[in-house]
């Protein structure tokens, strides 16, 4: 037969329109159904003093599950960075649990995420915390993010920072964020497409932050299905760092280059995050600090107090409840912003005296 009479030169299988339609339907069913069925297969029954495991800090699919669960069952959720998460304490020694122990029932849920700077917090609320509505929210503002232009994401040179997938990817993005276009697109898909977010969860929680394809290349003789059979480690009880006082670490005499609030990317993001929470009919209390004044030079401490005063003024002007964390005894700080267990307990006692907390403290905990 003459090659000119053959519709296709290569000898391959070609799908008809009907067959392609079947492929699209099957793939669509998988993409739509798997993220919705997976929670039933995986299960999730968090303990009373639950916190997102440190290893899952960038697993926003898992955070969303915990957030949805907590909003339904707790009168108040606590959203912040590692100050709320508690890197130097066990999960039953965090600020959240210090509050619960003091009131005698489970009223506060720990939604702290390690490394959650304000710009990342804004993205987390916007894309993964839609269930935070019509409730009470305590938000932490850690002044550490305002101590340099690098932490404030102001520098023009490329900067590595926590949670790049949560910041704006194309417009209004931080100056130092210079990710590849493919990474930016992937981050947007993670936010918008549940299947992409679920895949990130699987890669993070089961394959050590590797894709399935990379994992199989690195482990050619292992069956990936056995990894799923082991189940997911939902709990994280141990401190991430030894709870030693800051005085043993040689980190005193700090002279931070505090950023100007009017030019601060992190402060601008924080204000947006608070406004977003308020737009969801939430009652919001901001905890400023704690922050270790003993570590700073006298001049640096004065600059910090001026910055803190401006923060408090904005919050009051915008009708946002504010509590400035008490100054703890020096030995109760593990570093610049993290207390040890006794420090959390003292802050909890003072926090319970605020009008914000007293307004609902007498109510019954959600079942």
Protein backbone atom coordinates (compact mmCIF):
# COMPACT_ATOMS: atom_id res chain seq x y z
CA UNK A 1 0.00 0.00 0.00
CA UNK A 2 1.23 3.47 -0.81
CA UNK A 3 2.18 5.57 2.23
CA UNK A 4 0.12 8.40 0.77
CA UNK A 5 -2.99 6.32 1.36
CA UNK A 6 -2.24 5.84 5.09
CA UNK A 7 -3.93 8.48 7.33
CA UNK A 8 -1.04 8.42 9.82
CA UNK A 9 2.52 7.48 9.04
CA UNK A 10 3.30 5.95 12.45
CA UNK A 11 1.66 2.81 13.73
CA UNK A 12 0.06 4.09 16.97
CA UNK A 13 -3.29 3.84 18.68
CA UNK A 14 -5.44 6.91 18.24
CA UNK A 15 -8.47 7.69 20.37
CA UNK A 16 -11.79 8.61 18.91
CA UNK A 17 -13.72 11.65 20.11
CA UNK A 18 -15.89 9.41 22.29
CA UNK A 19 -12.81 7.77 23.83
CA UNK A 20 -11.24 11.16 24.56
CA UNK A 21 -14.49 12.22 26.22
CA UNK A 22 -14.28 9.15 28.47
CA UNK A 23 -10.68 10.00 29.39
CA UNK A 24 -11.68 13.55 30.30
CA UNK A 25 -14.58 12.29 32.42
CA UNK A 26 -12.41 9.77 34.28
CA UNK A 27 -9.60 12.25 34.94
CA UNK A 28 -12.13 14.90 35.96
CA UNK A 29 -13.76 12.50 38.40
CA UNK A 30 -10.38 11.72 39.96
CA UNK A 31 -9.36 15.38 40.21
CA UNK A 32 -12.73 16.34 41.71
CA UNK A 33 -13.31 13.30 43.91
CA UNK A 34 -9.97 12.34 45.47
CA UNK A 35 -9.49 15.53 47.58
CA UNK A 36 -13.04 15.13 48.88
CA UNK A 37 -12.81 11.41 49.66
CA UNK A 38 -9.30 11.47 51.10
CA UNK A 39 -10.26 12.95 54.51
CA UNK A 40 -12.53 9.95 55.12
CA UNK A 41 -9.73 7.54 54.20
CA UNK A 42 -7.05 9.34 56.16
CA UNK A 43 -9.13 10.21 59.22
CA UNK A 44 -8.44 13.06 61.62
CA UNK A 45 -9.24 13.08 65.33
CA UNK A 46 -7.00 15.70 66.95
CA UNK A 47 -6.28 15.67 70.65
CA UNK A 48 -7.58 18.40 72.94
CA UNK A 49 -4.21 20.18 72.88
CA UNK A 50 -3.54 19.68 69.18
CA UNK A 51 -1.13 21.77 67.13
CA UNK A 52 -0.14 21.31 63.50
CA UNK A 53 3.01 19.13 63.45
CA UNK A 54 6.20 21.07 62.79
CA UNK A 55 6.97 18.87 59.77
CA UNK A 56 3.62 19.88 58.25
CA UNK A 57 4.12 23.64 58.63
CA UNK A 58 3.82 24.09 54.86
CA UNK A 59 0.99 21.58 54.46
CA UNK A 60 -1.82 24.06 53.96
CA UNK A 61 -4.31 21.35 53.01
CA UNK A 62 -3.79 19.88 56.48
CA UNK A 63 -4.01 23.32 58.07
CA UNK A 64 -7.35 23.87 56.36
CA UNK A 65 -8.68 20.60 57.80
CA UNK A 66 -7.55 21.58 61.29
CA UNK A 67 -8.97 25.08 60.87
CA UNK A 68 -12.38 23.78 59.77
CA UNK A 69 -12.41 21.34 62.69
CA UNK A 70 -11.38 23.95 65.27
CA UNK A 71 -13.83 26.66 64.20
CA UNK A 72 -16.73 24.25 64.67
CA UNK A 73 -15.66 23.12 68.14
CA UNK A 74 -13.89 25.97 69.93
CA UNK A 75 -15.26 29.39 70.93
CA UNK A 76 -11.92 31.05 70.12
CA UNK A 77 -9.08 30.24 67.76
CA UNK A 78 -5.52 31.52 68.09
CA UNK A 79 -3.73 32.35 64.85
CA UNK A 80 -0.07 33.28 64.68
CA UNK A 81 3.49 32.15 64.10
CA UNK A 82 5.75 30.02 66.29
CA UNK A 83 5.01 32.22 69.33
CA UNK A 84 1.61 30.51 69.44
CA UNK A 85 2.92 27.19 68.11
CA UNK A 86 5.47 26.91 70.93
CA UNK A 87 8.85 25.65 69.68
CA UNK A 88 10.38 25.44 73.17
CA UNK A 89 7.49 23.66 74.89
CA UNK A 90 5.38 20.53 74.64
CA UNK A 91 1.96 20.91 73.09
CA UNK A 92 0.28 20.91 76.51
CA UNK A 93 2.49 23.84 77.60
CA UNK A 94 1.68 26.33 74.82
CA UNK A 95 -0.12 29.61 75.43
CA UNK A 96 -3.32 28.04 74.12
CA UNK A 97 -3.18 25.21 76.62
CA UNK A 98 -2.14 27.54 79.44
CA UNK A 99 -5.39 29.41 78.77
CA UNK A 100 -7.45 26.22 78.63
CA UNK A 101 -5.96 24.91 81.86
CA UNK A 102 -6.66 28.19 83.63
CA UNK A 103 -10.33 28.35 82.57
CA UNK A 104 -10.76 24.63 83.17
CA UNK A 105 -12.13 23.65 79.75
CA UNK A 106 -11.19 23.57 76.08
CA UNK A 107 -12.08 27.03 74.78
CA UNK A 108 -8.99 27.99 72.74
CA UNK A 109 -7.60 26.20 69.66
CA UNK A 110 -3.96 26.49 68.61
CA UNK A 111 -3.73 27.42 64.92
CA UNK A 112 -0.13 28.58 65.23
CA UNK A 113 2.14 27.79 62.27
CA UNK A 114 5.92 27.95 62.47
CA UNK A 115 7.39 30.81 60.44
CA UNK A 116 4.02 32.41 59.67
CA UNK A 117 5.12 36.01 59.06
CA UNK A 118 2.31 38.57 58.46
CA UNK A 119 2.51 38.41 54.64
CA UNK A 120 2.12 34.63 54.82
CA UNK A 121 -0.67 34.95 57.38
CA UNK A 122 -2.63 37.12 54.96
CA UNK A 123 -2.35 34.44 52.28
CA UNK A 124 -3.23 31.66 54.71
CA UNK A 125 -6.42 33.45 55.79
CA UNK A 126 -7.35 34.36 52.23
CA UNK A 127 -6.86 30.94 50.63
CA UNK A 128 -7.03 28.30 53.37
CA UNK A 129 -9.09 29.68 56.24
CA UNK A 130 -12.46 30.55 54.73
CA UNK A 131 -14.15 28.80 57.65
CA UNK A 132 -12.97 31.51 60.08
CA UNK A 133 -16.23 33.42 60.17
CA UNK A 134 -18.56 34.59 62.94
CA UNK A 135 -16.16 33.56 65.67
CA UNK A 136 -13.53 34.97 68.02
CA UNK A 137 -9.93 35.15 66.89
CA UNK A 138 -6.78 35.98 68.84
CA UNK A 139 -3.98 36.98 66.46
CA UNK A 140 -0.32 37.33 67.34
CA UNK A 141 1.85 40.11 65.96
CA UNK A 142 5.46 39.08 66.50
CA UNK A 143 7.62 42.25 66.40
CA UNK A 144 10.53 40.12 65.18
CA UNK A 145 9.26 40.50 61.60
CA UNK A 146 9.86 44.26 61.85
CA UNK A 147 13.46 44.13 63.08
CA UNK A 148 15.16 44.38 59.67
CA UNK A 149 14.42 45.15 56.04
CA UNK A 150 15.29 41.52 55.23
CA UNK A 151 12.66 40.06 57.56
CA UNK A 152 10.28 42.77 56.36
CA UNK A 153 10.84 41.51 52.78
CA UNK A 154 11.89 44.97 51.58
CA UNK A 155 15.29 44.13 50.09
CA UNK A 156 15.69 44.11 46.31
CA UNK A 157 18.08 41.15 46.19
CA UNK A 158 16.64 37.65 46.21
CA UNK A 159 15.61 36.65 49.72
CA UNK A 160 14.78 33.22 51.09
CA UNK A 161 11.92 33.26 53.57
CA UNK A 162 9.26 31.02 55.08
CA UNK A 163 6.04 30.19 53.25
CA UNK A 164 6.76 31.75 49.84
CA UNK A 165 3.71 29.94 48.49
CA UNK A 166 1.42 32.15 50.58
CA UNK A 167 2.64 35.58 49.46
CA UNK A 168 1.40 37.35 46.30
CA UNK A 169 2.95 35.61 43.29
CA UNK A 170 2.67 38.18 40.50
CA UNK A 171 1.25 41.48 41.73
CA UNK A 172 2.19 43.28 44.97
CA UNK A 173 4.70 40.55 45.71
CA UNK A 174 7.69 41.16 48.03
CA UNK A 175 10.72 42.71 46.36
CA UNK A 176 13.02 39.84 47.25
CA UNK A 177 10.67 37.15 45.98
CA UNK A 178 12.17 36.01 42.68
CA UNK A 179 10.80 32.52 42.14
CA UNK A 180 10.74 30.80 38.77
CA UNK A 181 7.57 31.31 36.76
CA UNK A 182 6.73 27.60 37.00
CA UNK A 183 6.92 27.75 40.80
CA UNK A 184 4.66 30.78 40.89
CA UNK A 185 2.08 29.04 38.71
CA UNK A 186 2.28 25.94 40.91
CA UNK A 187 1.67 28.05 44.02
CA UNK A 188 -1.39 29.66 42.45
CA UNK A 189 -2.75 26.23 41.47
CA UNK A 190 -2.24 24.97 45.03
CA UNK A 191 -4.49 27.79 46.23
CA UNK A 192 -7.19 27.46 43.60
CA UNK A 193 -7.31 23.76 42.74
CA UNK A 194 -8.10 21.33 45.61
CA UNK A 195 -6.39 18.45 43.80
CA UNK A 196 -3.12 20.42 43.59
CA UNK A 197 -3.35 21.30 47.28
CA UNK A 198 -4.03 17.65 48.10
CA UNK A 199 -0.99 16.56 46.08
CA UNK A 200 1.14 18.99 48.08
CA UNK A 201 -0.29 17.42 51.25
CA UNK A 202 0.65 13.93 50.08
CA UNK A 203 4.16 15.01 49.09
CA UNK A 204 4.71 16.83 52.40
CA UNK A 205 3.08 14.41 54.81
CA UNK A 206 4.05 11.06 53.29
CA UNK A 207 7.09 11.53 51.07
CA UNK A 208 9.24 13.99 53.00
CA UNK A 209 8.51 17.05 50.84
CA UNK A 210 9.35 15.11 47.68
CA UNK A 211 7.04 14.45 44.77
CA UNK A 212 5.94 10.85 44.27
CA UNK A 213 8.07 10.66 41.12
CA UNK A 214 11.18 11.94 42.90
CA UNK A 215 10.57 9.61 45.83
CA UNK A 216 10.31 6.56 43.57
CA UNK A 217 13.56 7.54 41.83
CA UNK A 218 15.32 7.83 45.19
CA UNK A 219 13.70 4.64 46.51
CA UNK A 220 13.42 2.34 43.48
CA UNK A 221 12.92 -0.85 45.51
CA UNK A 222 10.25 0.44 47.90
CA UNK A 223 6.51 0.29 47.41
CA UNK A 224 4.94 3.76 47.87
CA UNK A 225 1.63 2.15 48.88
CA UNK A 226 3.32 0.90 52.06
CA UNK A 227 4.00 4.52 53.00
CA UNK A 228 0.27 5.21 53.00
CA UNK A 229 -0.28 2.03 55.01
CA UNK A 230 1.76 3.44 57.89
CA UNK A 231 -0.72 6.29 58.30
CA UNK A 232 -0.05 9.94 59.05
CA UNK A 233 1.57 11.19 62.24
CA UNK A 234 -0.97 13.81 63.27
CA UNK A 235 0.44 14.75 66.68
CA UNK A 236 3.59 16.70 67.53
CA UNK A 237 4.21 16.79 71.26
CA UNK A 238 7.91 17.40 71.71
CA UNK A 239 9.61 20.83 71.75
CA UNK A 240 11.37 21.63 68.50
CA UNK A 241 14.28 23.20 70.42
CA UNK A 242 15.64 22.70 73.96
CA UNK A 243 13.88 25.09 76.39
CA UNK A 244 17.06 26.80 77.60
CA UNK A 245 16.97 30.50 78.66
CA UNK A 246 18.29 33.03 76.15
CA UNK A 247 21.08 33.99 78.57
CA UNK A 248 22.83 30.68 77.86
CA UNK A 249 23.00 31.31 74.10
CA UNK A 250 25.16 34.43 73.80
CA UNK A 251 22.55 36.44 71.92
CA UNK A 252 22.39 39.60 74.05
CA UNK A 253 23.16 43.19 73.08
CA UNK A 254 20.95 43.17 69.98
CA UNK A 255 20.63 46.46 68.10
CA UNK A 256 17.85 45.79 65.62
CA UNK A 257 17.37 48.09 62.63
CA UNK A 258 13.63 48.57 63.14
CA UNK A 259 11.78 49.33 59.92
CA UNK A 260 9.52 52.34 59.47
CA UNK A 261 5.93 51.19 59.79
CA UNK A 262 4.76 53.44 56.96
CA UNK A 263 7.11 51.59 54.59
CA UNK A 264 6.80 48.14 56.11
CA UNK A 265 5.59 45.31 53.87
CA UNK A 266 4.89 43.04 56.84
CA UNK A 267 2.92 45.67 58.75
CA UNK A 268 0.88 46.50 55.65
CA UNK A 269 0.14 42.78 55.22
CA UNK A 270 -0.82 42.44 58.88
CA UNK A 271 -3.32 45.28 58.63
CA UNK A 272 -4.85 43.61 55.58
CA UNK A 273 -5.08 40.32 57.46
CA UNK A 274 -6.90 41.97 60.37
CA UNK A 275 -9.32 43.72 58.02
CA UNK A 276 -9.96 40.43 56.23
CA UNK A 277 -10.78 38.71 59.51
CA UNK A 278 -13.10 41.54 60.52
CA UNK A 279 -14.87 41.36 57.17
CA UNK A 280 -15.84 37.79 58.10
CA UNK A 281 -17.77 39.09 61.11
CA UNK A 282 -15.09 37.89 63.51
CA UNK A 283 -14.23 39.50 66.83
CA UNK A 284 -10.47 40.01 66.83
CA UNK A 285 -7.92 40.53 69.59
CA UNK A 286 -4.30 41.24 68.65
CA UNK A 287 -1.52 40.23 71.02
CA UNK A 288 1.55 42.38 70.42
CA UNK A 289 4.59 40.39 71.54
CA UNK A 290 5.88 38.98 73.77
CA UNK A 291 9.29 40.42 72.97
CA UNK A 292 12.49 40.15 74.97
CA UNK A 293 13.59 43.64 75.98
CA UNK A 294 16.55 42.29 77.96
CA UNK A 295 18.27 41.21 74.73
CA UNK A 296 18.33 44.72 73.25
CA UNK A 297 20.56 47.70 73.74
CA UNK A 298 18.95 50.65 75.51
CA UNK A 299 18.65 52.62 72.27
CA UNK A 300 17.17 49.64 70.44
CA UNK A 301 14.61 49.14 73.20
CA UNK A 302 13.54 52.76 72.82
CA UNK A 303 13.03 52.27 69.08
CA UNK A 304 10.98 49.15 69.74
CA UNK A 305 8.75 50.95 72.21
CA UNK A 306 8.11 53.69 69.63
CA UNK A 307 7.19 51.10 66.97
CA UNK A 308 4.97 49.26 69.41
CA UNK A 309 3.21 52.49 70.36
CA UNK A 310 2.36 53.17 66.70
CA UNK A 311 1.02 49.64 66.32
CA UNK A 312 -1.19 50.02 69.39
CA UNK A 313 -2.46 53.38 68.12
CA UNK A 314 -3.51 51.95 64.76
CA UNK A 315 -5.31 49.05 66.41
CA UNK A 316 -7.23 51.33 68.75
CA UNK A 317 -8.11 53.75 65.95
CA UNK A 318 -9.53 50.86 63.95
CA UNK A 319 -11.50 49.40 66.85
CA UNK A 320 -9.36 46.28 67.16
CA UNK A 321 -8.92 44.92 70.67
CA UNK A 322 -5.27 44.91 71.66
CA UNK A 323 -3.22 43.31 74.41
CA UNK A 324 0.48 44.03 74.72
CA UNK A 325 2.14 41.00 76.25
CA UNK A 326 3.60 41.60 79.68
CA UNK A 327 7.33 41.84 80.24
CA UNK A 328 8.38 38.47 81.62
CA UNK A 329 11.28 37.77 83.96
CA UNK A 330 14.44 37.46 81.89
CA UNK A 331 14.89 33.73 82.48
CA UNK A 332 11.46 32.96 81.00
CA UNK A 333 12.51 33.97 77.47
CA UNK A 334 14.14 31.30 75.30
CA UNK A 335 15.11 33.85 72.63
CA UNK A 336 13.87 37.17 71.26
CA UNK A 337 10.17 36.32 71.17
CA UNK A 338 9.50 32.83 72.53
CA UNK A 339 8.74 32.16 76.20
CA UNK A 340 9.28 28.89 78.00
CA UNK A 341 6.31 27.12 79.63
CA UNK A 342 6.15 29.28 82.77
CA UNK A 343 6.22 32.41 80.62
CA UNK A 344 3.19 31.23 78.67
CA UNK A 345 1.37 30.54 81.94
CA UNK A 346 1.98 34.08 83.21
CA UNK A 347 0.83 35.63 79.92
CA UNK A 348 -2.29 33.46 79.99
CA UNK A 349 -3.21 34.74 83.45
CA UNK A 350 -2.96 38.34 82.25
CA UNK A 351 -4.74 37.66 78.97
CA UNK A 352 -7.75 36.23 80.80
CA UNK A 353 -8.19 39.59 82.51
CA UNK A 354 -8.82 41.40 79.22
CA UNK A 355 -12.36 42.52 78.37
CA UNK A 356 -12.17 40.57 75.11
CA UNK A 357 -11.71 37.23 76.87
CA UNK A 358 -13.94 37.97 79.84
CA UNK A 359 -16.80 38.73 77.45
CA UNK A 360 -17.10 35.08 76.45
CA UNK A 361 -15.17 33.22 79.17
CA UNK A 362 -18.35 32.34 81.05
CA UNK A 363 -19.94 30.72 77.99
CA UNK A 364 -19.96 26.99 77.42
CA UNK A 365 -17.30 25.49 75.15
CA UNK A 366 -18.52 24.32 71.76
CA UNK A 367 -19.24 20.64 71.67
